[in-house]
Amino acid sequence: MLNTEILNLTQELIRRGTTYDLEFLDHIYDEDLKFLRIDQENSIEVLSKSDNMQFFRTLKASDAAPLNDQAAFHYADMHGDEGFIILTRKMKQLDKEQEFLFNIYWKKKNGAWKIVREVVYIK
């Protein structure tokens, strides 16, 4: 099942995030964002909105090439003002291509969709 609205929001997130659109990212990430990154050794790193924005600022400032924007969407659901999506992406980080499983939690606040939680598993 793929809810079209949540799928479209996530596709825009990928398109604009992979090109380091800082204004868009600042708007789409909730102020209370929690970004959890789990690596192959099951170590968990928890990032805030500020931490995540700094990651993108650093990439943009270094004139990094855009990230790979390909994704395989597995599940997208919406219930009222909450949405959830699971997707897989392959991206090059630390000079090697890695596969990532993303779980993104959306919430509509004041009429605008925001990402409130993002969990990524590095495969």
Protein backbone atom coordinates (compact mmCIF):
# COMPACT_ATOMS: atom_id res chain seq x y z
CA MET A 1 0.00 0.00 0.00
CA LEU A 2 1.41 3.38 -1.04
CA ASN A 3 -0.47 6.50 0.02
CA THR A 4 0.01 9.01 -2.79
CA GLU A 5 0.21 12.13 -0.61
CA ILE A 6 2.92 10.75 1.68
CA LEU A 7 4.75 9.24 -1.29
CA ASN A 8 4.76 12.61 -3.12
CA LEU A 9 5.97 14.46 -0.01
CA THR A 10 8.82 11.99 0.38
CA GLN A 11 9.78 12.17 -3.29
CA GLU A 12 10.01 15.96 -2.98
CA LEU A 13 12.09 15.56 0.18
CA ILE A 14 14.53 13.32 -1.70
CA ARG A 15 14.68 15.57 -4.77
CA ARG A 16 15.33 18.72 -2.77
CA GLY A 17 17.43 17.12 -0.02
CA THR A 18 19.84 15.46 -2.43
CA THR A 19 20.58 18.90 -3.94
CA TYR A 20 21.02 20.52 -0.49
CA ASP A 21 18.01 22.87 -0.64
CA LEU A 22 18.59 24.24 2.85
CA GLU A 23 15.53 26.50 2.90
CA PHE A 24 13.25 23.59 2.02
CA LEU A 25 14.88 21.28 4.58
CA ASP A 26 14.64 23.91 7.32
CA HIS A 27 10.92 24.22 6.58
CA ILE A 28 10.12 20.49 6.29
CA TYR A 29 12.00 19.30 9.40
CA ASP A 30 10.06 19.85 12.62
CA GLU A 31 11.80 21.84 15.34
CA ASP A 32 11.66 18.75 17.58
CA LEU A 33 12.99 16.38 14.89
CA LYS A 34 14.74 13.25 16.11
CA PHE A 35 16.89 11.60 13.45
CA LEU A 36 18.14 8.16 14.49
CA ARG A 37 20.93 6.50 12.55
CA ILE A 38 21.68 2.84 13.24
CA ASP A 39 24.84 1.36 11.75
CA GLN A 40 25.85 -2.24 11.00
CA GLU A 41 27.15 -2.70 14.56
CA ASN A 42 23.77 -1.53 15.93
CA SER A 43 25.27 1.68 17.30
CA ILE A 44 22.65 4.40 17.45
CA GLU A 45 23.35 8.07 16.82
CA VAL A 46 20.54 10.52 17.62
CA LEU A 47 20.57 13.83 15.78
CA SER A 48 18.45 16.93 16.25
CA LYS A 49 17.14 19.21 13.54
CA SER A 50 20.16 21.44 14.10
CA ASP A 51 22.56 18.49 13.74
CA ASN A 52 20.86 17.28 10.57
CA MET A 53 20.82 20.77 9.04
CA GLN A 54 24.54 21.12 9.79
CA PHE A 55 25.18 17.89 7.86
CA PHE A 56 23.48 19.37 4.78
CA ARG A 57 25.13 22.80 5.25
CA THR A 58 28.55 21.13 5.28
CA LEU A 59 27.81 19.23 2.08
CA LYS A 60 26.54 22.35 0.34
CA ALA A 61 29.49 24.48 1.50
CA SER A 62 31.95 21.87 0.22
CA ASP A 63 30.31 21.91 -3.24
CA ALA A 64 29.59 18.20 -2.87
CA ALA A 65 27.97 16.52 -5.85
CA PRO A 66 24.25 15.84 -5.41
CA LEU A 67 23.42 12.62 -3.61
CA ASN A 68 21.85 9.72 -5.48
CA ASP A 69 18.10 10.34 -5.60
CA GLN A 70 16.95 6.82 -6.47
CA ALA A 71 14.63 5.14 -3.99
CA ALA A 72 12.53 2.01 -3.70
CA PHE A 73 9.29 2.70 -1.83
CA HIS A 74 7.95 -0.20 0.21
CA TYR A 75 5.10 1.25 2.27
CA ALA A 76 3.37 4.62 2.70
CA ASP A 77 0.36 5.24 4.89
CA MET A 78 -1.56 8.23 6.20
CA HIS A 79 -4.14 8.49 8.94
CA GLY A 80 -5.53 11.95 9.60
CA ASP A 81 -2.64 14.29 10.29
CA GLU A 82 0.01 11.56 10.54
CA GLY A 83 1.93 9.76 7.82
CA PHE A 84 4.56 7.05 7.68
CA ILE A 85 6.76 5.73 4.88
CA ILE A 86 9.40 3.00 4.52
CA LEU A 87 11.91 3.17 1.69
CA THR A 88 15.32 1.93 0.66
CA ARG A 89 18.02 4.13 -0.87
CA LYS A 90 21.58 3.61 -2.06
CA MET A 91 23.94 6.50 -1.50
CA LYS A 92 27.65 7.05 -1.47
CA GLN A 93 28.98 8.07 1.92
CA LEU A 94 32.53 7.88 3.17
CA ASP A 95 33.70 6.97 -0.35
CA LYS A 96 31.61 3.82 -0.57
CA GLU A 97 28.08 3.12 -1.70
CA GLN A 98 25.82 1.91 1.07
CA GLU A 99 22.21 0.81 1.28
CA PHE A 100 19.92 2.57 3.74
CA LEU A 101 16.47 1.60 5.02
CA PHE A 102 14.51 4.73 5.95
CA ASN A 103 11.43 4.99 8.19
CA ILE A 104 10.03 8.53 8.06
CA TYR A 105 7.23 9.79 10.30
CA TRP A 106 5.27 12.81 9.02
CA LYS A 107 2.87 15.01 11.01
CA LYS A 108 0.68 17.83 9.76
CA LYS A 109 1.15 20.89 11.98
CA ASN A 110 -0.62 24.18 11.31
CA GLY A 111 -1.61 22.91 7.87
CA ALA A 112 1.95 21.96 6.80
CA TRP A 113 3.55 18.51 6.72
CA LYS A 114 6.66 18.17 8.89
CA ILE A 115 9.07 15.33 9.49
CA VAL A 116 9.03 14.62 13.21
CA ARG A 117 11.09 11.43 13.28
CA GLU A 118 13.39 9.76 10.81
CA VAL A 119 15.06 6.41 11.46
CA VAL A 120 17.70 5.11 9.07
CA TYR A 121 19.30 1.68 9.21
CA ILE A 122 22.58 1.28 7.37
CA LYS A 123 22.52 -2.15 5.76
